[in-house]
Amino acid sequence: MKVAVSSALALAAGAGLITGGFLPALGGGSSDPIRTAAEASPATDTTEPDAPPTKAPLTVGTTTPPLPQPEFEVEPLAPGERPPQFVVVSFDGSCETTDGIMRHYLDTAASVDGNFVFNLSGLCVLPRNDQKFNYQPPGRPAGSSDIGFAVPEWVSSRILTWTEAYRTGHEIATHYLGHFCGPNGVQTWSTADWASEIEQFNGFLTDWPIHNPDLAHLDPLPFDPSVIKGGRTPCLEGQRDQMYPAMVAAGYTYEASNSGKLAWPKKVTGYDLWDFPLQQIRLDGHGFNVLSMDYNFLANLNAGQTEAPPAKCAEIEETVYRSYLKAAEALYRGNRAPFFIGNHFNEWACGAFTDSLTRFISDFHRKHPDVRFVTNVQLEQWLEAQDPAVLAQLQALPPQTY
């Protein structure tokens, strides 16, 4: 039996702002204002017609309750039935760039009838002018950020692409705000600090017209912070016993900041949060594993340097592509655990990571049309729709090796 699930009901970097969920190297079209036509004047009326009324400037930048998304069909497995192969592709930052990378990925998803996860950095829409001082990061001066703030002229394209992404079924998730990594970063934060970061993220998402008054003619986002059910922390950092309580209190239902194996997901021990990790996969042509994220490939293949000569760029692109494809093929033919991939909007190494991911998505779908590119929330809906005994059997399968 198929159960149609509406995401909204079930739920209730680029230039100008460099964003990312980095991990240290491991070893080895705008919306026009709505106007109504002036009523026709009687034939005997010689007065000038009234000018069409204009839409009042926007003050709340989100929609409550969120508009519905396309339905996601969930089919419970019969005992012994082989599960679908899910692939979850997520992007940290998700600020549209002058290169149109988000537009590229929206088109890529449409080509495989899939959906991706966009982990928004809230500072994508907080301008780098005096508005930046509205951000009060825990333990740091107001207006501080390790990734900068938004170029005001670029905010409108971000609002519009986020709108399109949500309307077409993609997931809106969080990458939080200031991206503070290292010894004095989010690793030192308390539960109260995480709660403050989440509250401020929600505020910047809702109040973007206030911080960008020149854009108050745009339509509000078709969603509000209630659709956010998880995300990825800066650099995958943060004390779990401090951040998890804040996430649960915020209504989050999954977490995507851990590392893991090619195995079926379980919930975080002690918390009602699904653990959707980046996974250890084999670095093709090398004798060790890396996490399934672009930055970790960059760290190991080009010493973390974002520039490379053309020949090196081509080598990186092929290595990353083969690494993704071989891991995915092993899962498809093996335990069918979901494959989690993390990425950023970037042109590192001549665009090698954008090219390799795009090629992998296209080729894997072409070879296996039954593969489903889904969001974390959609995967969660599928997992929770399964018979507990059937799900337990999947979770008991050993991690996939290859």
Protein backbone atom coordinates (compact mmCIF):
# COMPACT_ATOMS: atom_id res chain seq x y z
CA MET A 1 0.00 0.00 0.00
CA LYS A 2 1.35 3.41 -0.92
CA VAL A 3 0.88 6.24 1.53
CA ALA A 4 1.08 9.74 0.05
CA VAL A 5 2.87 12.06 2.44
CA SER A 6 2.69 15.82 2.01
CA SER A 7 5.95 17.21 3.37
CA ALA A 8 4.39 20.40 4.68
CA LEU A 9 1.72 18.53 6.56
CA ALA A 10 4.09 15.87 7.82
CA LEU A 11 6.54 18.56 8.93
CA ALA A 12 3.19 20.68 10.28
CA ALA A 13 30.61 29.00 -1.31
CA GLY A 14 30.05 30.93 -3.23
CA ALA A 15 31.01 34.45 -3.96
CA GLY A 16 29.96 36.97 -1.34
CA LEU A 17 29.47 34.43 1.43
CA ILE A 18 31.78 31.46 1.72
CA THR A 19 30.00 28.68 3.52
CA GLY A 20 30.78 25.12 4.35
CA GLY A 21 30.72 22.21 6.71
CA PHE A 22 34.42 21.56 6.57
CA LEU A 23 36.18 18.74 8.33
CA PRO A 24 39.95 18.70 8.81
CA ALA A 25 41.75 16.37 6.42
CA LEU A 26 41.37 12.74 7.33
CA GLY A 27 44.32 10.46 7.08
CA GLY A 28 45.04 8.89 4.55
CA GLY A 29 13.49 35.41 -12.20
CA SER A 30 12.11 37.84 -9.62
CA SER A 31 8.56 37.96 -8.36
CA ASP A 32 6.75 41.12 -9.49
CA PRO A 33 4.46 43.01 -7.11
CA ILE A 34 0.85 41.90 -7.43
CA ARG A 35 -1.21 44.68 -8.97
CA THR A 36 -4.94 44.78 -9.67
CA ALA A 37 -6.31 46.38 -12.80
CA ALA A 38 -8.13 49.68 -12.33
CA GLU A 39 -11.85 49.39 -12.80
CA ALA A 40 -13.12 50.82 -16.06
CA SER A 41 -14.69 54.27 -15.67
CA PRO A 42 -18.26 54.89 -16.86
CA ALA A 43 -18.51 56.35 -20.35
CA THR A 44 -19.66 59.69 -18.94
CA ASP A 45 -16.70 59.89 -16.50
CA THR A 46 -13.96 62.14 -17.89
CA THR A 47 -11.68 61.94 -14.84
CA GLU A 48 -8.28 60.25 -14.94
CA PRO A 49 -8.40 56.57 -13.88
CA ASP A 50 -6.83 55.77 -10.54
CA ALA A 51 -3.33 54.31 -10.58
CA PRO A 52 -3.24 50.59 -9.83
CA PRO A 53 -2.72 49.96 -6.13
CA THR A 54 0.68 48.63 -5.15
CA LYS A 55 1.40 45.80 -2.76
CA ALA A 56 2.33 46.90 0.73
CA PRO A 57 6.01 46.41 1.58
CA LEU A 58 6.69 43.00 3.03
CA THR A 59 7.52 42.86 6.73
CA VAL A 60 7.33 39.11 7.39
CA GLY A 61 9.44 37.09 4.99
CA THR A 62 7.97 33.63 5.56
CA THR A 63 4.61 31.89 5.19
CA THR A 64 2.78 30.34 8.16
CA PRO A 65 1.57 27.69 7.87
CA PRO A 66 4.00 26.63 5.15
CA LEU A 67 2.57 25.98 1.72
CA PRO A 68 2.33 22.27 0.84
CA GLN A 69 5.10 20.58 -1.11
CA PRO A 70 4.64 17.87 -3.75
CA GLU A 71 3.55 14.58 -2.24
CA PHE A 72 6.19 11.96 -1.47
CA GLU A 73 4.99 8.39 -1.84
CA VAL A 74 6.01 5.99 0.91
CA GLU A 75 5.61 2.27 0.35
CA PRO A 76 6.10 -0.05 3.33
CA LEU A 77 8.21 -3.09 2.54
CA ALA A 78 6.87 -6.60 2.79
CA PRO A 79 8.99 -8.99 4.86
CA GLY A 80 11.99 -10.01 2.79
CA GLU A 81 11.36 -7.39 0.10
CA ARG A 82 14.43 -5.58 -1.20
CA PRO A 83 14.41 -1.88 -0.24
CA PRO A 84 14.91 0.95 -2.72
CA GLN A 85 18.37 2.44 -3.12
CA PHE A 86 18.18 5.93 -1.66
CA VAL A 87 20.76 8.64 -2.30
CA VAL A 88 20.68 11.80 -0.18
CA VAL A 89 22.63 14.74 -1.65
CA SER A 90 22.96 17.78 0.61
CA PHE A 91 24.61 21.17 0.22
CA ASP A 92 26.06 23.19 3.09
CA GLY A 93 25.55 26.94 2.78
CA SER A 94 23.22 26.89 -0.22
CA CYS A 95 23.69 30.58 -1.07
CA GLU A 96 23.06 31.11 -4.77
CA THR A 97 26.15 32.51 -6.48
CA THR A 98 26.84 34.68 -9.49
CA ASP A 99 27.76 31.43 -11.26
CA GLY A 100 24.25 30.08 -10.76
CA ILE A 101 25.33 26.88 -9.02
CA MET A 102 22.06 26.44 -7.16
CA ARG A 103 20.20 26.82 -10.43
CA HIS A 104 22.47 24.11 -11.85
CA TYR A 105 21.62 21.70 -9.04
CA LEU A 106 17.89 22.42 -9.24
CA ASP A 107 18.06 21.48 -12.91
CA THR A 108 20.17 18.41 -12.11
CA ALA A 109 17.62 17.19 -9.56
CA ALA A 110 14.77 17.69 -12.03
CA SER A 111 16.63 15.60 -14.62
CA VAL A 112 16.58 12.57 -12.29
CA ASP A 113 13.15 13.27 -10.78
CA GLY A 114 14.80 13.74 -7.41
CA ASN A 115 15.13 16.14 -4.51
CA PHE A 116 18.14 17.46 -2.62
CA VAL A 117 18.77 18.97 0.83
CA PHE A 118 19.77 22.64 1.06
CA ASN A 119 21.38 23.39 4.43
CA LEU A 120 20.97 27.16 4.49
CA SER A 121 23.46 29.50 6.10
CA GLY A 122 21.26 32.18 7.64
CA LEU A 123 23.86 34.85 6.95
CA CYS A 124 23.17 34.36 3.23
CA VAL A 125 20.44 36.98 3.60
CA LEU A 126 21.90 39.22 6.32
CA PRO A 127 23.71 42.09 4.54
CA ARG A 128 27.30 42.96 5.31
CA ASN A 129 26.33 46.57 6.05
CA ASP A 130 25.22 47.74 9.50
CA GLN A 131 22.56 45.03 9.47
CA LYS A 132 25.23 42.47 10.31
CA PHE A 133 25.32 43.73 13.90
CA ASN A 134 21.93 42.13 14.42
CA TYR A 135 23.79 38.84 14.68
CA GLN A 136 24.97 38.22 18.22
CA PRO A 137 27.01 35.01 18.13
CA PRO A 138 27.60 33.20 21.41
CA GLY A 139 30.78 34.36 23.09
CA ARG A 140 31.77 36.78 20.32
CA PRO A 141 31.15 40.44 19.44
CA ALA A 142 27.97 41.32 17.58
CA GLY A 143 28.49 41.24 13.82
CA SER A 144 31.18 38.54 13.95
CA SER A 145 31.29 35.75 11.39
CA ASP A 146 33.93 33.41 10.03
CA ILE A 147 32.20 33.34 6.64
CA GLY A 148 31.31 36.99 6.18
CA PHE A 149 27.87 38.34 5.39
CA ALA A 150 25.73 38.77 2.29
CA VAL A 151 26.42 41.15 -0.58
CA PRO A 152 23.10 43.06 -0.58
CA GLU A 153 22.71 42.83 -4.36
CA TRP A 154 22.78 39.03 -4.22
CA VAL A 155 20.06 38.47 -1.62
CA SER A 156 17.14 38.56 -4.06
CA SER A 157 18.47 35.64 -6.12
CA ARG A 158 18.77 33.61 -2.91
CA ILE A 159 15.20 34.30 -1.87
CA LEU A 160 13.99 33.33 -5.33
CA THR A 161 15.99 30.11 -5.59
CA TRP A 162 15.03 29.04 -2.06
CA THR A 163 11.41 29.66 -3.04
CA GLU A 164 11.72 27.53 -6.15
CA ALA A 165 13.57 24.80 -4.28
CA TYR A 166 10.86 24.48 -1.65
CA ARG A 167 8.00 24.60 -4.15
CA THR A 168 9.54 21.76 -6.17
CA GLY A 169 9.98 19.46 -3.17
CA HIS A 170 13.54 20.06 -2.01
CA GLU A 171 14.29 20.18 1.70
CA ILE A 172 15.17 23.40 3.49
CA ALA A 173 17.50 22.60 6.40
CA THR A 174 20.08 24.53 8.42
CA HIS A 175 23.82 25.11 8.40
CA TYR A 176 23.36 27.67 11.20
CA LEU A 177 25.06 31.09 11.09
CA GLY A 178 28.61 32.19 11.90
CA HIS A 179 30.44 28.95 11.08
CA PHE A 180 32.89 29.13 13.98
CA CYS A 181 35.25 26.16 13.93
CA GLY A 182 38.30 25.17 15.90
CA PRO A 183 39.23 25.39 19.59
CA ASN A 184 37.15 28.53 20.28
CA GLY A 185 34.26 27.70 17.99
CA VAL A 186 31.01 25.78 18.28
CA GLN A 187 32.87 23.00 20.07
CA THR A 188 32.74 25.20 23.19
CA TRP A 189 29.04 26.04 22.97
CA SER A 190 26.51 25.15 25.64
CA THR A 191 22.94 24.06 25.04
CA ALA A 192 21.87 27.67 25.63
CA ASP A 193 24.36 28.84 23.00
CA TRP A 194 22.98 26.41 20.44
CA ALA A 195 19.44 27.48 21.31
CA SER A 196 20.44 31.10 20.69
CA GLU A 197 22.01 30.23 17.34
CA ILE A 198 18.89 28.37 16.23
CA GLU A 199 16.58 31.16 17.41
CA GLN A 200 18.63 33.78 15.55
CA PHE A 201 18.73 31.63 12.41
CA ASN A 202 14.94 31.42 12.48
CA GLY A 203 14.71 35.17 13.01
CA PHE A 204 16.96 36.06 10.07
CA LEU A 205 14.97 33.70 7.84
CA THR A 206 11.69 35.33 8.85
CA ASP A 207 12.92 38.93 8.96
CA TRP A 208 14.86 39.10 5.69
CA PRO A 209 12.58 41.90 4.34
CA ILE A 210 13.39 44.02 7.40
CA HIS A 211 17.12 43.58 6.91
CA ASN A 212 16.77 44.08 3.13
CA PRO A 213 14.16 46.85 2.78
CA ASP A 214 14.95 47.37 -0.90
CA LEU A 215 13.62 43.86 -1.52
CA ALA A 216 10.36 44.25 0.39
CA HIS A 217 8.47 44.11 -2.92
CA LEU A 218 9.30 40.40 -3.28
CA ASP A 219 6.93 37.66 -2.20
CA PRO A 220 7.56 35.92 1.12
CA LEU A 221 9.23 32.56 1.22
CA PRO A 222 6.55 29.84 0.91
CA PHE A 223 7.71 28.24 4.16
CA ASP A 224 8.68 29.21 7.69
CA PRO A 225 11.23 27.83 10.18
CA SER A 226 8.87 25.04 11.19
CA VAL A 227 9.88 23.08 8.07
CA ILE A 228 13.46 22.82 9.31
CA LYS A 229 13.91 19.38 10.82
CA GLY A 230 17.69 19.13 10.95
CA GLY A 231 20.94 20.20 9.41
CA ARG A 232 24.71 20.02 9.60
CA THR A 233 26.90 21.90 12.07
CA PRO A 234 29.97 23.95 11.09
CA CYS A 235 32.91 21.63 10.39
CA LEU A 236 30.76 18.81 11.81
CA GLU A 237 31.73 20.13 15.25
CA GLY A 238 29.86 20.64 18.51
CA GLN A 239 29.60 18.75 21.77
CA ARG A 240 26.78 16.32 21.15
CA ASP A 241 25.47 16.35 24.71
CA GLN A 242 25.12 20.14 24.44
CA MET A 243 23.73 20.55 20.93
CA TYR A 244 21.32 17.61 20.80
CA PRO A 245 19.01 18.94 23.56
CA ALA A 246 18.76 22.28 21.74
CA MET A 247 17.97 20.52 18.48
CA VAL A 248 15.23 18.40 20.03
CA ALA A 249 13.76 21.49 21.72
CA ALA A 250 13.70 23.24 18.33
CA GLY A 251 11.66 20.40 16.84
CA TYR A 252 14.47 18.83 14.85
CA THR A 253 14.06 15.15 14.05
CA TYR A 254 17.44 14.25 12.54
CA GLU A 255 21.09 15.24 12.66
CA ALA A 256 23.61 15.10 9.80
CA SER A 257 26.92 16.07 11.41
CA ASN A 258 28.36 12.68 12.31
CA SER A 259 30.59 10.30 10.40
CA GLY A 260 29.47 6.75 9.81
CA LYS A 261 29.67 3.59 7.77
CA LEU A 262 27.67 2.34 4.80
CA ALA A 263 24.89 1.02 7.02
CA TRP A 264 21.19 1.57 7.63
CA PRO A 265 20.51 4.59 9.86
CA LYS A 266 19.52 4.39 13.49
CA LYS A 267 18.57 7.06 16.00
CA VAL A 268 21.15 8.84 18.12
CA THR A 269 21.55 7.08 21.45
CA GLY A 270 19.47 8.84 24.09
CA TYR A 271 17.76 11.31 21.74
CA ASP A 272 14.81 11.19 19.38
CA LEU A 273 16.99 12.18 16.43
CA TRP A 274 17.78 10.12 13.35
CA ASP A 275 21.51 9.92 12.66
CA PHE A 276 22.10 10.61 8.94
CA PRO A 277 25.91 10.69 8.75
CA LEU A 278 28.47 11.43 6.12
CA GLN A 279 29.97 8.05 5.32
CA GLN A 280 33.44 6.60 5.08
CA ILE A 281 34.03 5.61 1.45
CA ARG A 282 37.12 4.42 -0.36
CA LEU A 283 39.20 7.11 -2.05
CA ASP A 284 39.58 5.59 -5.49
CA GLY A 285 43.17 4.70 -6.30
CA HIS A 286 44.33 5.21 -2.73
CA GLY A 287 44.62 2.96 0.28
CA PHE A 288 42.35 4.77 2.71
CA ASN A 289 38.84 6.11 3.21
CA VAL A 290 37.49 9.65 3.31
CA LEU A 291 34.16 11.12 4.31
CA SER A 292 31.65 11.49 1.49
CA MET A 293 32.03 15.28 1.25
CA ASP A 294 33.79 17.48 -1.28
CA TYR A 295 36.08 19.23 1.20
CA ASN A 296 37.50 15.95 2.44
CA PHE A 297 38.37 14.97 -1.11
CA LEU A 298 39.97 18.38 -1.62
CA ALA A 299 42.03 18.00 1.55
CA ASN A 300 43.36 14.63 0.50
CA LEU A 301 43.73 15.16 -3.25
CA ASN A 302 45.00 18.74 -3.36
CA ALA A 303 46.19 19.52 0.18
CA GLY A 304 43.08 21.64 0.72
CA GLN A 305 44.08 24.11 -1.99
CA THR A 306 41.18 25.38 -4.10
CA GLU A 307 43.30 26.11 -7.19
CA ALA A 308 44.99 23.52 -9.40
CA PRO A 309 46.34 23.26 -12.95
CA PRO A 310 43.96 21.80 -15.54
CA ALA A 311 45.54 18.35 -15.57
CA LYS A 312 45.25 18.08 -11.79
CA CYS A 313 41.66 19.32 -11.90
CA ALA A 314 40.77 16.58 -14.37
CA GLU A 315 42.45 13.98 -12.17
CA ILE A 316 40.52 15.18 -9.10
CA GLU A 317 37.22 15.15 -10.98
CA GLU A 318 37.73 11.57 -12.15
CA THR A 319 38.86 10.33 -8.72
CA VAL A 320 35.86 11.84 -6.93
CA TYR A 321 33.46 10.53 -9.57
CA ARG A 322 34.84 7.00 -9.34
CA SER A 323 34.83 7.13 -5.55
CA TYR A 324 31.13 8.03 -5.47
CA LEU A 325 30.16 5.57 -8.18
CA LYS A 326 31.98 2.58 -6.70
CA ALA A 327 30.50 3.18 -3.24
CA ALA A 328 27.01 3.58 -4.68
CA GLU A 329 27.31 0.46 -6.82
CA ALA A 330 28.43 -1.55 -3.79
CA LEU A 331 25.37 -0.37 -1.87
CA TYR A 332 23.01 -1.02 -4.76
CA ARG A 333 24.23 -4.60 -5.12
CA GLY A 334 24.68 -5.08 -1.39
CA ASN A 335 22.80 -3.98 1.73
CA ARG A 336 21.00 -1.09 0.00
CA ALA A 337 21.78 1.33 2.84
CA PRO A 338 21.12 4.98 1.96
CA PHE A 339 24.11 6.81 0.47
CA PHE A 340 24.74 10.26 2.00
CA ILE A 341 26.79 12.86 0.09
CA GLY A 342 27.70 16.34 1.33
CA ASN A 343 28.79 19.17 -0.94
CA HIS A 344 29.14 22.95 -1.23
CA PHE A 345 28.45 25.50 -3.93
CA ASN A 346 32.00 25.92 -5.18
CA GLU A 347 34.29 26.05 -8.18
CA TRP A 348 37.26 24.47 -6.42
CA ALA A 349 39.82 22.84 -8.69
CA CYS A 350 38.27 24.18 -11.90
CA GLY A 351 34.82 23.06 -10.79
CA ALA A 352 35.94 19.44 -10.36
CA PHE A 353 33.57 18.76 -7.46
CA THR A 354 30.51 20.22 -9.15
CA ASP A 355 31.33 18.29 -12.31
CA SER A 356 32.04 14.98 -10.57
CA LEU A 357 28.88 15.10 -8.45
CA THR A 358 26.73 16.06 -11.43
CA ARG A 359 28.21 13.26 -13.52
CA PHE A 360 27.71 10.74 -10.73
CA ILE A 361 24.06 11.71 -10.23
CA SER A 362 23.33 11.48 -13.95
CA ASP A 363 25.24 8.26 -14.62
CA PHE A 364 24.02 6.38 -11.54
CA HIS A 365 20.43 7.26 -12.37
CA ARG A 366 20.91 6.24 -16.00
CA LYS A 367 22.36 2.86 -14.99
CA HIS A 368 19.74 2.28 -12.30
CA PRO A 369 16.51 4.20 -13.03
CA ASP A 370 14.96 2.80 -9.85
CA VAL A 371 17.41 4.73 -7.64
CA ARG A 372 15.64 7.41 -5.61
CA PHE A 373 17.33 10.74 -4.89
CA VAL A 374 15.55 11.92 -1.75
CA THR A 375 15.86 14.39 1.11
CA ASN A 376 16.64 13.59 4.71
CA VAL A 377 13.04 14.32 5.67
CA GLN A 378 11.72 12.05 2.92
CA LEU A 379 14.08 9.29 4.02
CA GLU A 380 12.89 9.75 7.59
CA GLN A 381 9.27 9.45 6.46
CA TRP A 382 10.11 6.22 4.65
CA LEU A 383 11.96 4.75 7.63
CA GLU A 384 9.15 5.55 10.04
CA ALA A 385 6.53 4.08 7.71
CA GLN A 386 8.18 0.65 7.82
CA ASP A 387 7.13 -2.22 10.02
CA PRO A 388 9.48 -2.02 13.04
CA ALA A 389 10.50 -5.66 12.60
CA VAL A 390 11.37 -5.15 8.93
CA LEU A 391 13.34 -1.99 9.73
CA ALA A 392 15.19 -3.77 12.52
CA GLN A 393 16.28 -6.43 10.04
CA LEU A 394 17.74 -3.77 7.75
CA GLN A 395 19.51 -2.06 10.64
CA ALA A 396 21.00 -5.39 11.69
CA LEU A 397 22.72 -5.86 8.33
CA PRO A 398 26.50 -5.40 8.53
CA PRO A 399 28.00 -2.24 7.01
CA GLN A 400 28.63 -2.58 3.29
CA THR A 401 32.21 -3.28 2.28
CA TYR A 402 33.73 -3.30 -1.18
